[in-house]
């Protein structure tokens, strides 16, 4: 009986082994993806899938040829109304960095998304008070201050890094009565050599071109440089890091107020032509001075300062004719200040001094009204402000702020 001779060479055997390993790795990709999606479908993910919240997506996990996480068809809805929809997203990660307790993401890409802020669930607050432990807090603060800046920076960089983020074709619906914002591309790139970040964005709103750029340079004197344009409206922020303090300025030129009205729903008559402000930040003091806001008929001048835990002091010089016009505008019926900002101003106890020109042409004396914004509410030392402005201030600040020792927890 003749025996069959094995003609397999070592090269063929190695090729077969490599093929089997490759198939096993691709099979591992499929297996991990299958397990992840079964878990998502069967589990209540951190309370997201409830009667009012619903999250749907298909996860993709790949460990070969490189470590990659992603998903397709993400849909998050609240009360059967779409909030976030993303067609596809992926992240390329360093697999070996995980063994060093680091998360290094080479790039994140998000394609074709819609974010509807009008359907976003509103947050409610629940107050839970805890006694403040001054000794441990002070000790933690002391220890934090004793850490060298280089050490803090090294820990942060080693723990988490993202080299590149790209968002393509993103629409943001922020109001039912306004056209959506459309961003064709937003990119954020990190330079490992100096830990700087560069952001660029391009988009449009109602046919107007939106463009912007921002640079964050932790190791340079010019720490932050931002420029944003919407049509013919341009705004910029520059922040310089010099001698343990931050100096900066904000500039804005609004040559196309109609576009601003479309975006923020603010009537053009209440919009300035230009604004400028300079600010200085040290370890425990903030100074913003001067602040100049230029309107066609008049100019508002102001300054702001705050030190340590002292109250915020604001002085506003404004002509009475302009004050009356702004306060009577239909756009100011509700509070124009974000709720988080009102809490900040109330928490620090803000003192505002309004100085206005006298309506009496025979005298040059000014009318002064002092406004005190406190955790318990708002107080006026007289009733000389225009009724419209006084009502706006009450709408923004006439409520009881929660205790400063409370922990505010947000619930959907």
Protein backbone atom coordinates (compact mmCIF):
# COMPACT_ATOMS: atom_id res chain seq x y z
CA UNK A 1 0.00 0.00 0.00
CA UNK A 2 1.40 3.37 -1.07
CA UNK A 3 1.59 6.24 1.40
CA UNK A 4 0.81 9.79 0.34
CA UNK A 5 3.83 12.02 0.61
CA UNK A 6 3.38 15.36 2.40
CA UNK A 7 4.73 18.03 0.05
CA UNK A 8 3.94 21.02 2.30
CA UNK A 9 6.90 23.32 2.65
CA UNK A 10 7.69 25.38 5.71
CA UNK A 11 6.66 28.51 3.82
CA UNK A 12 3.25 27.05 3.04
CA UNK A 13 2.78 25.96 6.63
CA UNK A 14 3.63 29.43 7.93
CA UNK A 15 1.23 30.96 5.39
CA UNK A 16 -1.54 28.64 6.57
CA UNK A 17 -0.87 29.52 10.21
CA UNK A 18 -0.94 33.23 9.38
CA UNK A 19 -4.24 32.77 7.52
CA UNK A 20 -5.79 30.94 10.47
CA UNK A 21 -4.63 33.64 12.91
CA UNK A 22 -6.02 36.36 10.64
CA UNK A 23 -9.39 34.60 10.42
CA UNK A 24 -9.44 34.20 14.20
CA UNK A 25 -8.71 37.90 14.73
CA UNK A 26 -11.43 38.96 12.30
CA UNK A 27 -13.71 36.48 14.02
CA UNK A 28 -12.82 38.13 17.34
CA UNK A 29 -13.89 41.48 15.86
CA UNK A 30 -17.25 39.99 14.92
CA UNK A 31 -17.66 38.26 18.30
CA UNK A 32 -16.88 41.40 20.34
CA UNK A 33 -19.24 43.47 18.18
CA UNK A 34 -22.01 40.88 18.59
CA UNK A 35 -21.59 40.69 22.39
CA UNK A 36 -21.51 44.48 22.77
CA UNK A 37 -24.72 44.96 20.78
CA UNK A 38 -26.52 42.18 22.69
CA UNK A 39 -25.58 43.87 25.97
CA UNK A 40 -26.81 47.24 24.70
CA UNK A 41 -30.10 45.79 23.50
CA UNK A 42 -30.80 43.85 26.68
CA UNK A 43 -29.54 46.23 29.37
CA UNK A 44 -30.81 49.51 30.76
CA UNK A 45 -27.75 51.59 29.92
CA UNK A 46 -27.19 53.91 32.90
CA UNK A 47 -30.88 54.75 32.96
CA UNK A 48 -31.03 55.92 29.32
CA UNK A 49 -33.58 53.42 28.04
CA UNK A 50 -36.73 54.28 29.97
CA UNK A 51 -40.30 55.20 29.14
CA UNK A 52 -39.25 58.72 28.15
CA UNK A 53 -35.66 58.14 26.96
CA UNK A 54 -34.63 55.85 24.14
CA UNK A 55 -31.16 55.17 22.74
CA UNK A 56 -30.56 53.07 19.64
CA UNK A 57 -27.22 52.36 17.99
CA UNK A 58 -25.13 49.60 16.46
CA UNK A 59 -21.66 49.27 17.96
CA UNK A 60 -18.57 48.18 16.05
CA UNK A 61 -15.43 46.88 17.80
CA UNK A 62 -12.24 46.03 15.97
CA UNK A 63 -8.95 44.78 17.41
CA UNK A 64 -7.45 43.89 14.03
CA UNK A 65 -5.77 45.30 12.00
CA UNK A 66 -5.89 48.10 14.64
CA UNK A 67 -7.93 48.88 17.74
CA UNK A 68 -11.03 50.81 16.73
CA UNK A 69 -14.37 51.58 18.34
CA UNK A 70 -17.35 52.97 16.50
CA UNK A 71 -21.07 52.96 15.97
CA UNK A 72 -23.66 53.54 13.26
CA UNK A 73 -27.25 54.71 13.36
CA UNK A 74 -27.19 56.42 16.76
CA UNK A 75 -30.61 57.81 17.67
CA UNK A 76 -31.44 59.32 21.04
CA UNK A 77 -35.02 60.43 21.58
CA UNK A 78 -36.87 61.99 24.49
CA UNK A 79 -40.62 61.52 24.72
CA UNK A 80 -40.57 60.14 21.17
CA UNK A 81 -38.92 63.33 19.87
CA UNK A 82 -35.46 63.05 18.27
CA UNK A 83 -32.67 64.80 20.17
CA UNK A 84 -29.44 63.43 18.66
CA UNK A 85 -28.97 61.46 15.45
CA UNK A 86 -25.53 60.45 14.16
CA UNK A 87 -25.10 58.32 11.08
CA UNK A 88 -21.60 57.09 11.84
CA UNK A 89 -18.73 57.66 14.27
CA UNK A 90 -15.43 55.95 14.94
CA UNK A 91 -12.39 56.26 17.20
CA UNK A 92 -8.92 54.84 16.56
CA UNK A 93 -7.22 54.04 19.89
CA UNK A 94 -3.86 52.82 21.10
CA UNK A 95 -4.43 49.31 22.43
CA UNK A 96 -1.09 49.06 24.24
CA UNK A 97 -1.60 52.39 26.04
CA UNK A 98 -4.46 50.79 27.98
CA UNK A 99 -1.98 48.47 29.69
CA UNK A 100 -0.16 51.58 30.96
CA UNK A 101 -3.44 52.97 32.34
CA UNK A 102 -3.55 55.57 29.60
CA UNK A 103 -6.19 56.41 27.02
CA UNK A 104 -4.57 57.58 23.80
CA UNK A 105 -7.01 58.27 20.96
CA UNK A 106 -5.35 58.87 17.61
CA UNK A 107 -8.44 60.22 15.92
CA UNK A 108 -12.22 60.54 16.32
CA UNK A 109 -14.49 61.02 13.31
CA UNK A 110 -18.21 61.83 13.44
CA UNK A 111 -20.15 61.96 10.17
CA UNK A 112 -23.63 63.28 9.36
CA UNK A 113 -25.33 64.28 12.58
CA UNK A 114 -28.36 66.25 13.73
CA UNK A 115 -28.67 67.78 17.22
CA UNK A 116 -32.10 69.18 18.08
CA UNK A 117 -31.71 71.36 21.17
CA UNK A 118 -35.44 72.19 21.17
CA UNK A 119 -36.22 68.57 22.10
CA UNK A 120 -33.45 68.26 24.69
CA UNK A 121 -34.81 67.14 28.08
CA UNK A 122 -35.08 69.91 30.61
CA UNK A 123 -33.15 69.46 33.85
CA UNK A 124 -34.63 69.61 37.31
CA UNK A 125 -32.64 70.25 40.45
CA UNK A 126 -32.63 68.29 43.66
CA UNK A 127 -30.99 69.84 46.68
CA UNK A 128 -28.93 67.59 48.93
CA UNK A 129 -27.09 69.36 51.73
CA UNK A 130 -23.92 68.05 53.26
CA UNK A 131 -21.81 69.58 56.04
CA UNK A 132 -18.67 71.19 54.72
CA UNK A 133 -15.46 69.64 56.00
CA UNK A 134 -13.18 72.64 56.11
CA UNK A 135 -10.13 70.82 57.35
CA UNK A 136 -10.05 68.18 54.62
CA UNK A 137 -10.93 70.72 51.94
CA UNK A 138 -8.22 73.09 53.03
CA UNK A 139 -5.73 70.24 53.24
CA UNK A 140 -6.65 69.11 49.72
CA UNK A 141 -6.27 72.65 48.43
CA UNK A 142 -2.89 72.95 50.12
CA UNK A 143 -1.70 69.68 48.64
CA UNK A 144 -2.92 70.71 45.20
CA UNK A 145 -1.02 74.00 45.41
CA UNK A 146 2.12 72.19 46.51
CA UNK A 147 2.16 70.05 43.36
CA UNK A 148 4.49 71.54 40.73
CA UNK A 149 2.70 72.69 37.55
CA UNK A 150 4.88 70.40 35.48
CA UNK A 151 3.75 67.42 37.55
CA UNK A 152 0.07 68.25 37.12
CA UNK A 153 0.56 68.74 33.40
CA UNK A 154 2.48 65.47 33.01
CA UNK A 155 -0.20 63.51 34.87
CA UNK A 156 -2.93 65.01 32.70
CA UNK A 157 -1.11 64.39 29.44
CA UNK A 158 -0.17 60.82 30.32
CA UNK A 159 -3.68 59.88 31.39
CA UNK A 160 -5.68 61.02 28.38
CA UNK A 161 -4.78 62.27 24.90
CA UNK A 162 -6.74 62.94 21.71
CA UNK A 163 -4.66 63.75 18.63
CA UNK A 164 -7.38 64.60 16.12
CA UNK A 165 -11.15 65.16 16.18
CA UNK A 166 -13.21 65.71 13.04
CA UNK A 167 -16.94 66.37 12.68
CA UNK A 168 -18.49 66.41 9.22
CA UNK A 169 -21.93 67.59 8.09
CA UNK A 170 -23.46 68.47 11.46
CA UNK A 171 -26.78 70.32 11.76
CA UNK A 172 -27.81 71.99 15.03
CA UNK A 173 -31.44 73.02 15.58
CA UNK A 174 -31.46 75.55 18.42
CA UNK A 175 -34.88 77.21 17.97
CA UNK A 176 -38.10 76.26 16.22
CA UNK A 177 -38.43 79.71 14.64
CA UNK A 178 -34.83 79.99 13.40
CA UNK A 179 -32.94 78.21 10.61
CA UNK A 180 -30.58 75.45 11.75
CA UNK A 181 -26.84 75.88 12.03
CA UNK A 182 -24.94 73.76 9.54
CA UNK A 183 -21.27 72.89 10.03
CA UNK A 184 -19.63 71.36 7.01
CA UNK A 185 -16.47 70.53 8.92
CA UNK A 186 -15.04 71.05 12.40
CA UNK A 187 -11.52 69.85 13.14
CA UNK A 188 -9.47 69.91 16.33
CA UNK A 189 -5.82 68.85 16.10
CA UNK A 190 -3.31 68.39 18.92
CA UNK A 191 0.39 69.00 18.44
CA UNK A 192 2.27 66.56 20.75
CA UNK A 193 5.49 68.60 20.63
CA UNK A 194 4.04 71.58 22.53
CA UNK A 195 0.60 70.24 23.63
CA UNK A 196 -1.14 72.92 21.57
CA UNK A 197 -4.60 72.55 20.05
CA UNK A 198 -5.82 74.08 16.79
CA UNK A 199 -9.52 74.21 15.90
CA UNK A 200 -11.07 75.21 12.58
CA UNK A 201 -14.72 75.27 11.59
CA UNK A 202 -16.66 76.04 8.43
CA UNK A 203 -20.40 76.20 8.05
CA UNK A 204 -23.36 78.35 7.18
CA UNK A 205 -26.54 79.84 8.58
CA UNK A 206 -29.37 80.91 6.29
CA UNK A 207 -26.92 81.32 3.42
CA UNK A 208 -24.36 83.22 5.51
CA UNK A 209 -20.88 81.72 5.79
CA UNK A 210 -19.64 80.81 9.27
CA UNK A 211 -15.93 80.39 9.84
CA UNK A 212 -13.78 80.23 12.90
CA UNK A 213 -10.37 79.32 14.20
CA UNK A 214 -9.00 78.84 17.68
CA UNK A 215 -5.57 78.09 19.05
CA UNK A 216 -4.67 76.95 22.56
CA UNK A 217 -0.95 77.19 23.31
CA UNK A 218 -0.12 76.12 26.90
CA UNK A 219 3.63 76.65 26.46
CA UNK A 220 3.53 80.04 24.71
CA UNK A 221 2.90 83.59 25.85
CA UNK A 222 -0.16 83.89 23.61
CA UNK A 223 -2.14 81.27 25.49
CA UNK A 224 -5.42 81.53 23.57
CA UNK A 225 -6.35 83.05 20.22
CA UNK A 226 -9.91 82.78 18.87
CA UNK A 227 -11.48 84.39 15.79
CA UNK A 228 -15.08 83.81 14.72
CA UNK A 229 -17.00 85.31 11.83
CA UNK A 230 -20.64 85.08 10.81
CA UNK A 231 -21.24 86.86 7.54
CA UNK A 232 -19.68 90.29 8.03
CA UNK A 233 -19.74 90.04 11.84
CA UNK A 234 -16.37 89.29 13.42
CA UNK A 235 -15.42 88.57 17.04
CA UNK A 236 -12.04 87.74 18.56
CA UNK A 237 -10.59 86.73 21.93
CA UNK A 238 -6.89 86.90 22.80
CA UNK A 239 -5.40 85.69 26.08
CA UNK A 240 -1.74 86.16 27.01
CA UNK A 241 0.01 84.30 29.83
CA UNK A 242 2.58 86.66 31.35
CA UNK A 243 4.28 86.64 34.75
CA UNK A 244 1.74 84.43 36.56
CA UNK A 245 -1.24 86.38 35.28
CA UNK A 246 -3.50 86.29 32.26
CA UNK A 247 -4.09 89.41 30.17
CA UNK A 248 -6.54 89.49 27.33
CA UNK A 249 -9.07 91.32 25.27
CA UNK A 250 -12.34 90.75 23.49
CA UNK A 251 -13.22 92.58 20.29
CA UNK A 252 -16.37 92.51 18.20
CA UNK A 253 -17.56 94.24 15.04
CA UNK A 254 -21.16 93.73 13.95
CA UNK A 255 -21.67 95.04 10.42
CA UNK A 256 -24.51 92.64 9.62
CA UNK A 257 -27.00 92.79 12.54
CA UNK A 258 -29.73 91.03 10.53
CA UNK A 259 -27.73 87.80 10.64
CA UNK A 260 -27.25 88.12 14.40
CA UNK A 261 -31.00 88.60 14.75
CA UNK A 262 -31.61 85.36 12.85
CA UNK A 263 -29.16 83.44 15.02
CA UNK A 264 -30.00 84.75 18.50
CA UNK A 265 -33.53 86.11 17.87
CA UNK A 266 -32.48 89.57 19.12
CA UNK A 267 -33.96 92.62 17.34
CA UNK A 268 -31.39 94.66 15.46
CA UNK A 269 -32.18 97.87 17.37
CA UNK A 270 -30.73 96.35 20.55
CA UNK A 271 -27.46 95.23 18.93
CA UNK A 272 -24.28 97.32 19.16
CA UNK A 273 -22.01 98.20 16.26
CA UNK A 274 -18.84 97.34 18.15
CA UNK A 275 -17.63 96.19 21.54
CA UNK A 276 -14.27 95.93 23.22
CA UNK A 277 -13.04 94.94 26.66
CA UNK A 278 -9.73 94.26 28.35
CA UNK A 279 -9.34 91.88 31.26
CA UNK A 280 -6.70 90.82 33.75
CA UNK A 281 -6.73 87.59 35.79
CA UNK A 282 -4.36 86.96 38.68
CA UNK A 283 -4.40 84.27 41.37
CA UNK A 284 -7.35 85.71 43.26
CA UNK A 285 -8.52 88.77 41.33
CA UNK A 286 -10.42 89.45 38.11
CA UNK A 287 -10.54 92.89 36.52
CA UNK A 288 -12.41 93.73 33.32
CA UNK A 289 -11.77 97.35 32.38
CA UNK A 290 -12.55 99.22 30.30
CA UNK A 291 -15.67 97.75 28.73
CA UNK A 292 -16.96 99.74 25.76
CA UNK A 293 -20.16 98.92 23.86
CA UNK A 294 -20.82 101.22 20.92
CA UNK A 295 -24.38 101.83 19.70
CA UNK A 296 -25.39 104.18 16.86
CA UNK A 297 -26.73 106.81 19.28
CA UNK A 298 -24.57 106.34 22.37
CA UNK A 299 -21.88 104.30 24.10
CA UNK A 300 -22.04 102.16 27.24
CA UNK A 301 -18.93 102.22 29.44
CA UNK A 302 -18.42 99.76 32.28
CA UNK A 303 -15.88 98.00 34.47
CA UNK A 304 -15.97 94.86 36.61
CA UNK A 305 -13.79 93.59 39.43
CA UNK A 306 -13.82 90.70 41.87
CA UNK A 307 -11.21 89.56 44.40
CA UNK A 308 -11.08 86.37 46.45
CA UNK A 309 -14.51 85.66 47.93
CA UNK A 310 -15.54 89.33 47.87
CA UNK A 311 -18.62 90.46 45.95
CA UNK A 312 -18.45 91.23 42.25
CA UNK A 313 -18.48 94.99 41.71
CA UNK A 314 -19.82 96.36 38.44
CA UNK A 315 -20.10 100.00 37.41
CA UNK A 316 -22.13 100.84 34.30
CA UNK A 317 -22.24 104.29 32.69
CA UNK A 318 -25.10 104.52 30.22
CA UNK A 319 -27.03 107.44 28.69
CA UNK A 320 -30.67 107.50 29.79
CA UNK A 321 -31.96 107.55 26.21
CA UNK A 322 -30.10 104.34 25.41
CA UNK A 323 -31.08 102.72 28.71
CA UNK A 324 -34.75 103.43 28.02
CA UNK A 325 -34.54 102.09 24.47
CA UNK A 326 -32.85 98.84 25.47
CA UNK A 327 -35.07 98.15 28.47
CA UNK A 328 -38.28 98.72 26.49
CA UNK A 329 -37.27 96.38 23.68
CA UNK A 330 -39.61 93.45 23.10
CA UNK A 331 -36.60 91.13 23.01
CA UNK A 332 -35.96 91.75 26.70
CA UNK A 333 -39.27 90.48 28.06
CA UNK A 334 -37.55 87.39 29.46
CA UNK A 335 -34.15 87.21 31.13
CA UNK A 336 -31.39 87.44 28.49
CA UNK A 337 -28.76 86.06 30.90
CA UNK A 338 -28.18 82.26 31.06
CA UNK A 339 -29.44 80.68 34.27
CA UNK A 340 -25.97 79.41 35.19
CA UNK A 341 -24.60 82.95 34.96
CA UNK A 342 -27.35 84.33 37.22
CA UNK A 343 -26.45 81.70 39.83
CA UNK A 344 -22.80 82.70 39.62
CA UNK A 345 -23.59 86.40 40.06
CA UNK A 346 -25.93 85.68 42.97
CA UNK A 347 -23.47 83.31 44.62
CA UNK A 348 -20.74 85.96 44.70
CA UNK A 349 -23.12 88.76 45.81
CA UNK A 350 -22.91 91.18 42.89
CA UNK A 351 -23.14 94.94 43.37
CA UNK A 352 -24.08 96.93 40.25
CA UNK A 353 -23.98 100.71 40.12
CA UNK A 354 -25.90 102.24 37.21
CA UNK A 355 -24.84 105.80 36.41
CA UNK A 356 -27.08 107.58 33.91
CA UNK A 357 -27.25 111.08 32.53
CA UNK A 358 -29.87 113.31 34.10
CA UNK A 359 -32.95 114.00 31.97
CA UNK A 360 -32.91 117.57 33.28
CA UNK A 361 -31.09 119.64 30.64
CA UNK A 362 -30.37 122.39 33.19
CA UNK A 363 -28.06 120.23 35.29
CA UNK A 364 -25.09 117.99 34.63
CA UNK A 365 -25.65 115.79 37.68
CA UNK A 366 -25.96 112.07 37.10
CA UNK A 367 -28.58 109.67 38.39
CA UNK A 368 -27.14 106.75 40.35
CA UNK A 369 -28.95 103.54 41.17
CA UNK A 370 -27.31 100.81 43.22
CA UNK A 371 -28.49 97.25 42.62
CA UNK A 372 -27.53 94.41 44.95
CA UNK A 373 -27.81 90.86 43.61
CA UNK A 374 -27.81 88.45 46.56
CA UNK A 375 -28.59 84.75 47.12
CA UNK A 376 -31.94 85.78 48.62
CA UNK A 377 -32.97 87.99 45.70
CA UNK A 378 -32.35 91.48 44.34
CA UNK A 379 -32.53 94.93 45.96
CA UNK A 380 -32.69 98.48 44.54
CA UNK A 381 -31.76 101.57 46.54
CA UNK A 382 -34.24 103.71 44.56
CA UNK A 383 -36.86 103.46 41.81
CA UNK A 384 -35.12 105.66 39.23
CA UNK A 385 -34.32 102.91 36.73
CA UNK A 386 -36.72 102.57 33.77
CA UNK A 387 -39.52 100.13 34.70
CA UNK A 388 -38.62 97.84 31.82
CA UNK A 389 -35.03 97.40 32.95
CA UNK A 390 -36.03 96.93 36.59
CA UNK A 391 -38.47 94.20 35.57
CA UNK A 392 -35.78 92.42 33.53
CA UNK A 393 -33.39 92.45 36.49
CA UNK A 394 -36.11 91.06 38.75
CA UNK A 395 -36.87 88.32 36.23
CA UNK A 396 -33.20 87.32 36.21
CA UNK A 397 -32.32 87.57 39.90
CA UNK A 398 -35.43 87.71 42.09
CA UNK A 399 -35.32 84.14 43.40
CA UNK A 400 -33.80 82.28 46.34
CA UNK A 401 -30.46 80.68 45.57
CA UNK A 402 -29.76 77.32 47.17
CA UNK A 403 -27.34 77.17 50.09
CA UNK A 404 -23.67 77.42 49.10
CA UNK A 405 -22.97 74.16 50.92
CA UNK A 406 -25.53 72.26 48.84
CA UNK A 407 -24.75 69.79 46.12
CA UNK A 408 -26.91 70.34 43.05
CA UNK A 409 -27.73 67.14 41.20
CA UNK A 410 -29.31 67.28 37.75
CA UNK A 411 -31.94 64.74 36.78
CA UNK A 412 -33.49 64.11 33.37
